[in-house]
Amino acid sequence: MSSETNTSTLKPFSTMQLLYFCLGFFGLQFAWQMRLALSGPVTEGLGADPLIYGLISLAGPFSGMVVQPIIGALSDRTTSKWGRRRPYLLGGAILASLALWAFPNSSVIAQFFGNSLGVVLAPWAGLAVAAVMIWIIDACVNIAQGPYRALIPDVVPPKQHAIANSFLSFAIGLGSVVAAATPPVLSKFFHITMSIPAQFVMAAIAFTGAMLVTCIAIKEKQHVIEKTDEETKEKHSFFESMKDFLTTSPEIVKICVLQFFTWIGMMCLLLYFTLFVVHNLYGVPDIAAEGVDLASFDSVKLAGTNFALICLALFNLVCFLVSIPIGVLSTKFGNKVVHAIALFSMAVSYLILAFSHSQIPVMIGMGLAGIGWASVLALPFAMLSQYIKPGSEGSVMGIFNIFIAGPQVVVCTLVAWFINHSTMVKPDGTFYHWEYAFFVGAIVLACAALASLTIKEKKV
C-alpha cells in the first residue's frame, strides 16, 4: 500500500504562510495576464484574423488536456529531494519565461529564417513563430499550474482547503491587476511608455522570481511510495484513470459539468475582450475599406488596448478584493450556493458588456464579472477536494483540468468561426461582431450556475 502524508498531521497554515504559498501563483497569473491581454494585438499585427487567432489559442486547451494530466501523474510519483511538486513549479516557470521573452519578438526571430522559407512561406514566418511561442507558454504554465493546485492537499489541512484556494484567487487577482495596470499607470502618471516586448520581459521576471520564493518558503514532506506486488502489477490506462475519477462519486460528474459550462463562458471574455474594446468600442476597423490606411488608426488602437488593460485590471482588482470574503462566505453558507450566485452575476455582466457602446458601462460590466471570477478560481476546486483520495492529488487535478481546457476548444473554434463569419460594413472598413462572444458566455454561465445548485457537498 502506498505510504503518503497523513492529512491529520498537517499543521494549520498561518496567514503569512498562506501568503508565501500563493506568491508563486501571483507570478504565474502575472505572466498569464500578459499572454491573454496582448496575444490578440500581437498576432493580429502579424496577419491573424479571428479564426486564425482562435486556432492559435488552441494551445491553451490542448496543453491543458494533455500536459496537466501527464505532469499531474508524474508529480504524484516524484520522490526527489526537492519534493514532488516543486521541480515542476520552478521548471515550468523558467521555460515559460524564455518563451514570454521570445513571443513579442517573433517577427525579428523569423527574419533569421526568412531566406530559407521561400516567397510563399516567408510572409507567414512571424505568425508561425508566435504560434509556437504561445504553445510553449501555455504548455509550461500548465506544467506549473497542475502540481501547484495538487500542492494544497499535500501540505494544507483539509479544513483550510477552501481558504487556501481563496488565497490563490487573491494572488491571481493581484497578479492580474499589477500586470494589467502597470503599463497604463506608467503612461498616464509618469509619461513612460512600455513597449509590448518590455511588458513580456516584466512578466517573465515576475513569473520566475515569485515561483522561486514559493518553492523556497513552502517545504514539502518526503513521500515514500511503497507498493504491494498486487499494486505493482496493476496498470491503469489514462481512460481507466478517468473512469475511476468520474465514478468515485456522482457529485464529481456534476462538478465537471459545472466546469465545462463555466470555462466556455470564461474564455469568451478572456480571449476576446481586448479585441472587442479595440474594434467595437474604439472603432478601429478589422479590415480597412479601400483607400483607408489601417496605420492611421495606430494611436486609437493603442488607446483602446490601454483601456482594455485598465478594465482587466478592474476585473482582477474586484477578484482580489472579494476572493477572501468569498472563502469566508462559502464556509458559512456552502460552496455551491455562493458559487451559483457569483456565476449568475457574471452572466448579467456579460449582457452589460454586449450592449455597451461607451466606457462606463464596460467598466461596470467588468467590475461585476470580477466577482464571478474570484469564485471560479476557488470554489470548484474546494468542492472537488472533498472527493480526492490521498496520493492521487496530482492525477485528479490533471484529469479535472480536462473539463477546464476542453471547453476552451469550443471557444477557440466554434465561437471564433462564428465571429469570423459575422461582419458589418462601415465607411472605414469591415468590423467583426466581437460582442457575440458575450452572448454565448452569458448563456453558458447561467447553465453553470444551475449545475452548481445540484451538487451535494460533504460536511467538513
Protein backbone atom coordinates (compact mmCIF):
# COMPACT_ATOMS: atom_id res chain seq x y z
CA MET A 1 0.00 0.00 0.00
CA SER A 2 1.22 3.48 -0.76
CA SER A 3 2.63 5.38 2.16
CA GLU A 4 1.58 9.02 1.86
CA THR A 5 1.34 12.09 4.05
CA ASN A 6 -1.26 11.70 6.79
CA THR A 7 -3.52 14.75 6.41
CA SER A 8 -4.40 14.62 10.12
CA THR A 9 -0.78 15.50 10.97
CA LEU A 10 -0.68 18.61 8.78
CA LYS A 11 -0.27 21.79 10.80
CA PRO A 12 -2.59 24.74 10.07
CA PHE A 13 -1.07 27.46 7.91
CA SER A 14 -0.65 30.94 9.32
CA THR A 15 -1.68 33.94 7.25
CA MET A 16 1.96 34.61 6.39
CA GLN A 17 2.44 31.01 5.26
CA LEU A 18 -0.64 31.27 3.05
CA LEU A 19 0.77 34.44 1.50
CA TYR A 20 4.09 32.74 0.77
CA PHE A 21 2.17 29.77 -0.59
CA CYS A 22 0.17 31.88 -3.06
CA LEU A 23 3.05 34.12 -4.21
CA GLY A 24 4.06 31.76 -7.00
CA PHE A 25 0.53 31.87 -8.36
CA PHE A 26 0.84 35.67 -8.36
CA GLY A 27 3.76 35.34 -10.77
CA LEU A 28 2.00 32.68 -12.83
CA GLN A 29 -1.08 34.85 -13.28
CA PHE A 30 1.04 37.94 -13.97
CA ALA A 31 2.52 36.12 -16.96
CA TRP A 32 -0.82 34.61 -17.99
CA GLN A 33 -2.48 38.03 -17.93
CA MET A 34 0.12 39.42 -20.34
CA ARG A 35 -0.34 36.44 -22.63
CA LEU A 36 -4.15 36.76 -22.70
CA ALA A 37 -4.38 40.55 -22.93
CA LEU A 38 -1.71 41.13 -25.57
CA SER A 39 -1.57 37.96 -27.69
CA GLY A 40 -4.54 39.18 -29.77
CA PRO A 41 -2.96 42.50 -30.79
CA VAL A 42 0.44 40.83 -31.39
CA THR A 43 -0.91 38.06 -33.64
CA GLU A 44 -3.34 40.46 -35.36
CA GLY A 45 -0.36 42.61 -36.31
CA LEU A 46 1.22 39.53 -37.88
CA GLY A 47 -1.83 38.88 -40.07
CA ALA A 48 -4.18 36.72 -37.94
CA ASP A 49 -7.96 37.02 -38.42
CA PRO A 50 -10.42 35.87 -35.67
CA LEU A 51 -10.41 32.25 -36.82
CA ILE A 52 -6.61 32.01 -37.09
CA TYR A 53 -6.28 33.70 -33.70
CA GLY A 54 -8.73 31.18 -32.26
CA LEU A 55 -6.82 28.26 -33.76
CA ILE A 56 -3.53 29.56 -32.37
CA SER A 57 -5.21 29.91 -28.97
CA LEU A 58 -5.98 26.18 -29.02
CA ALA A 59 -2.55 25.96 -27.40
CA GLY A 60 -4.13 26.58 -24.01
CA PRO A 61 -6.82 23.89 -24.01
CA PHE A 62 -4.74 21.25 -25.77
CA SER A 63 -1.79 21.69 -23.43
CA GLY A 64 -4.25 21.67 -20.53
CA MET A 65 -5.81 18.39 -21.67
CA VAL A 66 -2.51 16.69 -22.44
CA VAL A 67 0.18 18.30 -20.30
CA GLN A 68 -1.62 18.65 -16.97
CA PRO A 69 -2.79 15.01 -16.67
CA ILE A 70 0.68 13.74 -17.59
CA ILE A 71 2.54 16.15 -15.30
CA GLY A 72 0.00 15.61 -12.52
CA ALA A 73 0.53 11.84 -12.63
CA LEU A 74 4.31 12.26 -12.81
CA SER A 75 4.31 14.63 -9.83
CA ASP A 76 2.35 12.07 -7.78
CA ARG A 77 5.19 9.60 -8.36
CA THR A 78 8.11 12.01 -8.00
CA THR A 79 10.28 11.42 -4.92
CA SER A 80 13.15 13.87 -5.46
CA LYS A 81 14.95 15.61 -2.60
CA TRP A 82 13.31 18.88 -3.79
CA GLY A 83 9.82 17.44 -3.29
CA ARG A 84 7.34 16.03 -5.77
CA ARG A 85 5.64 19.26 -6.86
CA ARG A 86 8.33 21.96 -6.64
CA PRO A 87 10.51 20.74 -9.57
CA TYR A 88 7.55 21.18 -11.91
CA LEU A 89 6.59 24.56 -10.45
CA LEU A 90 10.02 26.09 -10.98
CA GLY A 91 10.84 24.26 -14.22
CA GLY A 92 7.60 25.37 -15.86
CA ALA A 93 8.17 28.96 -14.75
CA ILE A 94 11.69 29.15 -16.20
CA LEU A 95 10.74 27.65 -19.59
CA ALA A 96 7.63 29.83 -19.87
CA SER A 97 9.69 32.92 -19.10
CA LEU A 98 12.02 32.23 -22.01
CA ALA A 99 9.04 31.89 -24.38
CA LEU A 100 7.47 35.07 -22.96
CA TRP A 101 10.58 36.98 -23.99
CA ALA A 102 10.56 35.46 -27.48
CA PHE A 103 6.84 35.84 -28.30
CA PRO A 104 6.64 39.61 -28.98
CA ASN A 105 9.92 39.35 -30.92
CA SER A 106 8.51 36.69 -33.26
CA SER A 107 8.93 38.79 -36.41
CA VAL A 108 12.58 39.50 -35.53
CA ILE A 109 13.24 35.81 -34.86
CA ALA A 110 11.51 34.89 -38.12
CA GLN A 111 13.86 37.16 -40.07
CA PHE A 112 16.70 34.73 -39.37
CA PHE A 113 14.80 32.07 -41.30
CA GLY A 114 13.28 34.32 -43.96
CA ASN A 115 15.68 33.50 -46.78
CA SER A 116 15.25 29.73 -46.36
CA LEU A 117 11.43 29.77 -46.32
CA GLY A 118 10.79 30.95 -49.84
CA VAL A 119 8.44 33.58 -51.19
CA VAL A 120 5.25 31.75 -50.17
CA LEU A 121 6.09 30.88 -46.57
CA ALA A 122 8.20 33.90 -45.60
CA PRO A 123 5.24 36.29 -45.00
CA TRP A 124 3.81 33.80 -42.51
CA ALA A 125 7.07 33.14 -40.66
CA GLY A 126 6.44 35.69 -37.90
CA LEU A 127 2.96 34.33 -37.22
CA ALA A 128 4.32 30.77 -37.17
CA VAL A 129 6.99 31.68 -34.60
CA ALA A 130 4.39 33.50 -32.50
CA ALA A 131 2.13 30.43 -32.61
CA VAL A 132 4.98 28.18 -31.44
CA MET A 133 5.82 30.56 -28.58
CA ILE A 134 2.17 30.66 -27.45
CA TRP A 135 2.08 26.87 -27.40
CA ILE A 136 5.28 26.75 -25.33
CA ILE A 137 3.99 29.39 -22.89
CA ASP A 138 0.68 27.61 -22.41
CA ALA A 139 2.29 24.19 -22.02
CA CYS A 140 4.76 25.47 -19.41
CA VAL A 141 2.05 27.33 -17.49
CA ASN A 142 0.17 24.01 -17.30
CA ILE A 143 3.33 22.24 -16.15
CA ALA A 144 3.42 24.60 -13.16
CA GLN A 145 -0.32 25.01 -12.56
CA GLY A 146 -1.43 21.39 -12.12
CA PRO A 147 1.13 20.45 -9.44
CA TYR A 148 0.51 23.83 -7.76
CA ARG A 149 -3.17 23.01 -7.21
CA ALA A 150 -2.19 19.50 -6.08
CA LEU A 151 0.17 21.02 -3.51
CA ILE A 152 -2.84 22.19 -1.46
CA PRO A 153 -4.00 18.74 -0.26
CA ASP A 154 -0.31 17.81 0.12
CA VAL A 155 0.61 20.48 2.66
CA VAL A 156 -2.61 22.23 3.80
CA PRO A 157 -5.03 20.69 6.36
CA PRO A 158 -8.49 19.77 4.93
CA LYS A 159 -10.28 22.46 6.94
CA GLN A 160 -8.14 25.12 5.23
CA HIS A 161 -8.60 23.89 1.66
CA ALA A 162 -11.31 26.45 0.85
CA ILE A 163 -9.35 29.35 2.34
CA ALA A 164 -6.12 28.17 0.63
CA ASN A 165 -7.88 28.14 -2.73
CA SER A 166 -9.27 31.58 -1.92
CA PHE A 167 -5.72 32.81 -1.28
CA LEU A 168 -4.82 31.54 -4.74
CA SER A 169 -7.74 33.59 -6.10
CA PHE A 170 -6.35 36.51 -4.11
CA ALA A 171 -2.95 36.02 -5.77
CA ILE A 172 -4.47 35.60 -9.22
CA GLY A 173 -6.47 38.80 -8.82
CA LEU A 174 -3.49 40.77 -7.51
CA GLY A 175 -1.13 39.43 -10.17
CA SER A 176 -3.56 40.31 -12.93
CA VAL A 177 -4.19 43.78 -11.51
CA VAL A 178 -0.49 44.61 -11.32
CA ALA A 179 0.20 43.17 -14.77
CA ALA A 180 -2.69 44.97 -16.47
CA ALA A 181 -2.39 48.27 -14.60
CA THR A 182 1.37 48.84 -14.78
CA PRO A 183 1.62 50.00 -18.45
CA PRO A 184 -1.34 52.45 -18.38
CA VAL A 185 -0.34 53.80 -14.94
CA LEU A 186 3.25 54.39 -16.07
CA SER A 187 1.97 56.08 -19.22
CA LYS A 188 -0.59 58.35 -17.53
CA PHE A 189 1.23 59.40 -14.37
CA PHE A 190 4.92 59.05 -15.25
CA HIS A 191 4.82 59.53 -19.05
CA ILE A 192 6.69 56.26 -19.53
CA THR A 193 5.52 54.16 -22.47
CA MET A 194 6.21 50.45 -22.05
CA SER A 195 6.60 48.62 -25.32
CA ILE A 196 4.89 45.25 -25.69
CA PRO A 197 8.25 43.39 -25.59
CA ALA A 198 9.10 45.21 -22.34
CA GLN A 199 5.79 44.11 -20.83
CA PHE A 200 6.53 40.49 -21.65
CA VAL A 201 10.03 40.74 -20.14
CA MET A 202 8.41 42.13 -16.98
CA ALA A 203 6.03 39.15 -16.95
CA ALA A 204 8.89 36.68 -17.35
CA ILE A 205 10.82 38.15 -14.40
CA ALA A 206 7.70 38.16 -12.21
CA PHE A 207 6.86 34.53 -13.03
CA THR A 208 10.27 33.04 -12.28
CA GLY A 209 11.03 35.29 -9.30
CA ALA A 210 7.72 34.76 -7.49
CA MET A 211 7.74 30.99 -8.10
CA LEU A 212 11.28 30.76 -6.74
CA VAL A 213 10.21 32.42 -3.48
CA THR A 214 7.29 30.00 -3.03
CA CYS A 215 9.48 26.98 -3.76
CA ILE A 216 11.96 28.11 -1.10
CA ALA A 217 9.36 29.06 1.52
CA ILE A 218 6.99 26.07 1.27
CA LYS A 219 8.54 22.79 2.35
CA GLU A 220 7.17 19.50 1.13
CA LYS A 221 7.39 16.39 3.28
CA GLN A 222 9.22 13.42 1.83
CA HIS A 223 6.83 10.99 0.18
CA VAL A 224 7.92 7.36 0.16
CA ILE A 225 5.83 5.30 -2.22
CA GLU A 226 5.80 1.65 -1.28
CA LYS A 227 3.62 -0.70 -3.31
CA THR A 228 2.50 -4.25 -2.77
CA ASP A 229 3.01 -6.85 -5.51
CA GLU A 230 -0.66 -6.59 -6.40
CA GLU A 231 -0.45 -2.82 -6.86
CA THR A 232 2.75 -3.14 -8.87
CA LYS A 233 1.09 -5.48 -11.35
CA GLU A 234 -1.95 -3.25 -11.73
CA LYS A 235 -1.55 -0.74 -14.54
CA HIS A 236 -4.17 1.86 -15.35
CA SER A 237 -4.53 3.48 -18.72
CA PHE A 238 -5.45 7.13 -18.87
CA PHE A 239 -9.05 6.28 -19.71
CA GLU A 240 -9.27 3.82 -16.82
CA SER A 241 -7.94 6.53 -14.50
CA MET A 242 -10.55 8.95 -15.80
CA LYS A 243 -13.26 6.33 -15.31
CA ASP A 244 -12.11 5.76 -11.72
CA PHE A 245 -12.15 9.53 -11.16
CA LEU A 246 -15.65 10.02 -12.56
CA THR A 247 -17.13 7.01 -10.76
CA THR A 248 -15.78 7.97 -7.34
CA SER A 249 -18.94 9.95 -6.66
CA PRO A 250 -21.90 11.27 -8.73
CA GLU A 251 -21.02 14.71 -7.39
CA ILE A 252 -17.71 14.67 -9.25
CA VAL A 253 -19.59 14.36 -12.54
CA LYS A 254 -21.74 17.35 -11.56
CA ILE A 255 -18.64 19.40 -10.70
CA CYS A 256 -17.12 18.50 -14.08
CA VAL A 257 -20.32 19.59 -15.88
CA LEU A 258 -20.19 22.82 -13.88
CA GLN A 259 -16.61 23.44 -15.02
CA PHE A 260 -17.40 22.61 -18.64
CA PHE A 261 -20.04 25.33 -18.93
CA THR A 262 -18.08 27.77 -16.75
CA TRP A 263 -14.96 27.72 -18.88
CA ILE A 264 -16.76 28.18 -22.15
CA GLY A 265 -18.09 31.37 -20.59
CA MET A 266 -14.79 32.43 -19.06
CA MET A 267 -12.79 32.13 -22.29
CA CYS A 268 -15.41 34.11 -24.21
CA LEU A 269 -14.31 37.04 -22.06
CA LEU A 270 -10.61 36.37 -21.54
CA LEU A 271 -9.87 35.60 -25.18
CA TYR A 272 -11.89 38.28 -26.95
CA PHE A 273 -12.27 41.23 -24.57
CA THR A 274 -9.25 43.27 -25.75
CA LEU A 275 -10.24 42.85 -29.40
CA PHE A 276 -13.85 43.80 -28.54
CA VAL A 277 -12.66 47.05 -26.94
CA VAL A 278 -10.23 47.98 -29.73
CA HIS A 279 -12.63 47.31 -32.59
CA ASN A 280 -16.20 47.65 -31.25
CA LEU A 281 -15.70 50.34 -28.63
CA TYR A 282 -12.88 52.38 -30.18
CA GLY A 283 -13.93 51.91 -33.79
CA VAL A 284 -10.71 50.50 -35.25
CA PRO A 285 -11.65 48.54 -38.41
CA ASP A 286 -10.73 44.87 -38.53
CA ILE A 287 -10.26 45.25 -42.26
CA ALA A 288 -9.86 48.76 -43.68
CA ALA A 289 -12.01 49.91 -46.58
CA GLU A 290 -10.39 50.73 -49.90
CA GLY A 291 -8.46 53.97 -49.59
CA VAL A 292 -8.29 53.78 -45.77
CA ASP A 293 -4.89 53.08 -44.19
CA LEU A 294 -5.06 50.94 -41.02
CA ALA A 295 -1.82 52.58 -39.88
CA SER A 296 -3.79 55.80 -39.35
CA PHE A 297 -5.61 54.03 -36.53
CA ASP A 298 -2.42 53.09 -34.62
CA SER A 299 -2.87 55.75 -31.92
CA VAL A 300 -6.53 54.82 -31.44
CA LYS A 301 -5.59 51.15 -31.28
CA LEU A 302 -3.03 51.87 -28.58
CA ALA A 303 -5.60 53.88 -26.61
CA GLY A 304 -8.08 51.02 -26.92
CA THR A 305 -5.51 48.47 -25.78
CA ASN A 306 -4.64 50.61 -22.74
CA PHE A 307 -8.32 50.99 -21.84
CA ALA A 308 -8.77 47.22 -22.16
CA LEU A 309 -5.85 46.76 -19.75
CA ILE A 310 -7.48 49.19 -17.30
CA CYS A 311 -10.74 47.23 -17.48
CA LEU A 312 -8.90 43.93 -16.98
CA ALA A 313 -7.12 45.49 -14.00
CA LEU A 314 -10.52 46.48 -12.56
CA PHE A 315 -11.87 42.99 -13.27
CA ASN A 316 -8.99 41.42 -11.36
CA LEU A 317 -9.00 44.09 -8.64
CA VAL A 318 -12.56 43.10 -7.76
CA CYS A 319 -11.46 39.45 -7.82
CA PHE A 320 -8.59 40.38 -5.50
CA LEU A 321 -10.89 42.24 -3.07
CA VAL A 322 -13.66 39.64 -2.85
CA SER A 323 -11.58 36.43 -3.01
CA ILE A 324 -11.08 36.12 0.76
CA PRO A 325 -14.68 37.19 1.62
CA ILE A 326 -15.95 34.55 -0.84
CA GLY A 327 -13.91 31.92 1.01
CA VAL A 328 -15.41 33.06 4.32
CA LEU A 329 -18.97 33.16 2.92
CA SER A 330 -18.61 29.70 1.39
CA THR A 331 -17.54 28.33 4.76
CA LYS A 332 -20.73 29.74 6.29
CA PHE A 333 -23.32 29.18 3.56
CA GLY A 334 -21.76 26.41 1.47
CA ASN A 335 -19.64 26.46 -1.67
CA LYS A 336 -22.38 25.68 -4.18
CA VAL A 337 -24.79 28.46 -3.18
CA VAL A 338 -22.12 31.17 -3.12
CA HIS A 339 -20.71 29.91 -6.40
CA ALA A 340 -24.12 29.88 -8.14
CA ILE A 341 -24.82 33.48 -7.11
CA ALA A 342 -21.39 34.55 -8.35
CA LEU A 343 -21.93 32.86 -11.72
CA PHE A 344 -25.35 34.45 -12.18
CA SER A 345 -23.82 37.86 -11.51
CA MET A 346 -21.17 37.18 -14.13
CA ALA A 347 -23.83 36.21 -16.70
CA VAL A 348 -25.52 39.58 -16.10
CA SER A 349 -22.18 41.37 -16.52
CA TYR A 350 -21.69 39.76 -19.94
CA LEU A 351 -25.03 41.14 -21.12
CA ILE A 352 -23.98 44.59 -19.92
CA LEU A 353 -20.79 44.30 -21.97
CA ALA A 354 -22.56 43.05 -25.08
CA PHE A 355 -24.87 46.07 -25.18
CA SER A 356 -22.24 48.66 -24.19
CA HIS A 357 -21.20 51.44 -26.53
CA SER A 358 -19.21 53.61 -24.09
CA GLN A 359 -16.53 53.24 -21.45
CA ILE A 360 -18.55 53.48 -18.22
CA PRO A 361 -20.90 50.52 -18.87
CA VAL A 362 -17.91 48.42 -19.94
CA MET A 363 -16.10 49.20 -16.69
CA ILE A 364 -19.24 48.40 -14.68
CA GLY A 365 -19.63 45.10 -16.50
CA MET A 366 -16.00 44.13 -15.94
CA GLY A 367 -16.17 45.04 -12.25
CA LEU A 368 -19.25 42.85 -11.78
CA ALA A 369 -17.63 40.00 -13.70
CA GLY A 370 -14.72 40.07 -11.24
CA ILE A 371 -16.98 38.68 -8.50
CA GLY A 372 -17.66 35.57 -10.56
CA TRP A 373 -14.00 35.27 -11.49
CA ALA A 374 -12.95 35.12 -7.83
CA SER A 375 -15.42 32.31 -7.23
CA VAL A 376 -14.43 30.39 -10.38
CA LEU A 377 -10.80 30.35 -9.27
CA ALA A 378 -11.55 28.89 -5.84
CA LEU A 379 -14.86 27.18 -5.09
CA PRO A 380 -14.99 24.40 -7.74
CA PHE A 381 -11.58 23.23 -6.52
CA ALA A 382 -12.76 23.40 -2.90
CA MET A 383 -15.79 21.27 -3.81
CA LEU A 384 -13.63 18.76 -5.69
CA SER A 385 -11.04 18.46 -2.91
CA GLN A 386 -13.67 16.78 -0.71
CA TYR A 387 -13.55 13.75 -3.01
CA ILE A 388 -9.81 13.39 -3.68
CA LYS A 389 -8.17 10.19 -2.45
CA PRO A 390 -4.82 10.74 -0.70
CA GLY A 391 -1.91 10.10 -3.05
CA SER A 392 -3.86 10.89 -6.24
CA GLU A 393 -3.96 14.68 -5.95
CA GLY A 394 -1.81 15.44 -9.00
CA SER A 395 -3.60 12.91 -11.21
CA VAL A 396 -7.01 14.17 -10.14
CA MET A 397 -6.14 17.81 -10.78
CA GLY A 398 -4.74 16.87 -14.17
CA ILE A 399 -7.88 14.98 -15.17
CA PHE A 400 -10.11 17.71 -13.73
CA ASN A 401 -8.28 20.25 -15.87
CA ILE A 402 -9.62 18.48 -18.97
CA PHE A 403 -13.03 19.88 -18.06
CA ILE A 404 -11.45 23.34 -17.92
CA ALA A 405 -9.33 23.02 -21.04
CA GLY A 406 -11.76 21.04 -23.19
CA PRO A 407 -14.47 23.72 -23.26
CA GLN A 408 -11.90 26.24 -24.42
CA VAL A 409 -11.64 24.29 -27.68
CA VAL A 410 -15.27 25.27 -28.32
CA VAL A 411 -14.40 28.94 -27.85
CA CYS A 412 -11.25 28.77 -29.99
CA THR A 413 -13.02 27.01 -32.87
CA LEU A 414 -16.82 27.36 -32.98
CA VAL A 415 -17.07 30.79 -31.36
CA ALA A 416 -14.07 32.03 -33.39
CA TRP A 417 -15.67 30.69 -36.58
CA PHE A 418 -18.98 32.34 -35.66
CA ILE A 419 -17.31 35.73 -35.15
CA ASN A 420 -15.24 35.30 -38.31
CA HIS A 421 -18.47 34.90 -40.31
CA SER A 422 -20.32 37.75 -38.58
CA THR A 423 -19.33 41.07 -40.09
CA MET A 424 -20.72 44.54 -40.57
CA VAL A 425 -19.52 47.03 -43.18
CA LYS A 426 -18.98 50.69 -42.29
CA PRO A 427 -17.35 53.55 -44.24
CA ASP A 428 -13.97 52.95 -42.56
CA GLY A 429 -13.98 49.21 -43.20
CA THR A 430 -15.28 45.84 -42.08
CA PHE A 431 -15.93 45.08 -38.39
CA TYR A 432 -16.46 41.71 -36.71
CA HIS A 433 -19.21 41.23 -34.12
CA TRP A 434 -16.87 40.53 -31.20
CA GLU A 435 -19.78 41.14 -28.78
CA TYR A 436 -21.37 37.86 -29.90
CA ALA A 437 -18.86 36.08 -27.65
CA PHE A 438 -20.50 37.70 -24.62
CA PHE A 439 -23.98 36.50 -25.58
CA VAL A 440 -22.65 32.95 -25.78
CA GLY A 441 -20.84 33.41 -22.48
CA ALA A 442 -23.94 34.69 -20.66
CA ILE A 443 -25.99 31.64 -21.69
CA VAL A 444 -23.42 29.04 -20.64
CA LEU A 445 -22.64 30.79 -17.33
CA ALA A 446 -26.34 30.69 -16.42
CA CYS A 447 -26.26 26.93 -17.16
CA ALA A 448 -23.16 26.58 -14.96
CA ALA A 449 -24.92 28.37 -12.08
CA LEU A 450 -27.85 25.94 -12.30
CA ALA A 451 -25.42 22.99 -12.37
CA SER A 452 -23.74 24.30 -9.21
CA LEU A 453 -27.03 24.17 -7.29
CA THR A 454 -27.42 20.43 -7.99
CA ILE A 455 -24.18 19.45 -6.21
CA LYS A 456 -24.41 17.77 -2.81
CA GLU A 457 -21.50 18.82 -0.62
CA LYS A 458 -19.82 16.85 2.15
CA LYS A 459 -19.67 18.34 5.60
CA VAL A 460 -16.05 19.09 6.58
